[in-house]
Amino acid sequence: MFDSWLKPNDSKLNLKDSKPIIHAILGTPINTPLSTNEEEIYFACGCFWGAEKGFWKLPGVVSTAVGYAGGNISNPTYAQVCTGETGHTELVRVVWNKSIIHLSDLLKMFWECHDPTQGNRQGNDSGSQYRSAIYINNTQHEKL
């Protein structure tokens, strides 16, 4: 569901051999496999640009990337998502070093950086892509 915007759908692509895409602010790779002490989670909490910035402040956050998830088409464009017809949310992928920061701290930032009671909006931004959601790849994260 999430890999399409981080790892292009190319059967010849090998992440170990591909050149890393470096985050412009953090200077860390955003498309390399997780190391043994890293985990990832995806937060939809309003406009992804503002949400991403909040996670940069947390110690132990290795990298972030923005994209779309939860919709009914593959690789949507910004214009397609803005129609409200694709079902996608704007989200932030957060990769963190679990020996430095705990998932509960990331969840705290998620709940404090937006108002989930606003429904399909955050502040002046409105549309179904701004609804709140948490997407996980690790079933252990469900327990928190």
Foldseek 3Di string as FASTA:
>chain_A
DPCCVQPPPDPPDDLVPDDFDADPPLRAGDRHDDDPQKFKKKKQAFAAVQLLVLVVPDPFFRDKDKDKDQFDDPPDDPVVVVVLHGRIAIIMMTMGRCVRDPVVVVVVSRPPVFPQVVAQHTVPGGHVNRHTDMGHPDPVVVVD
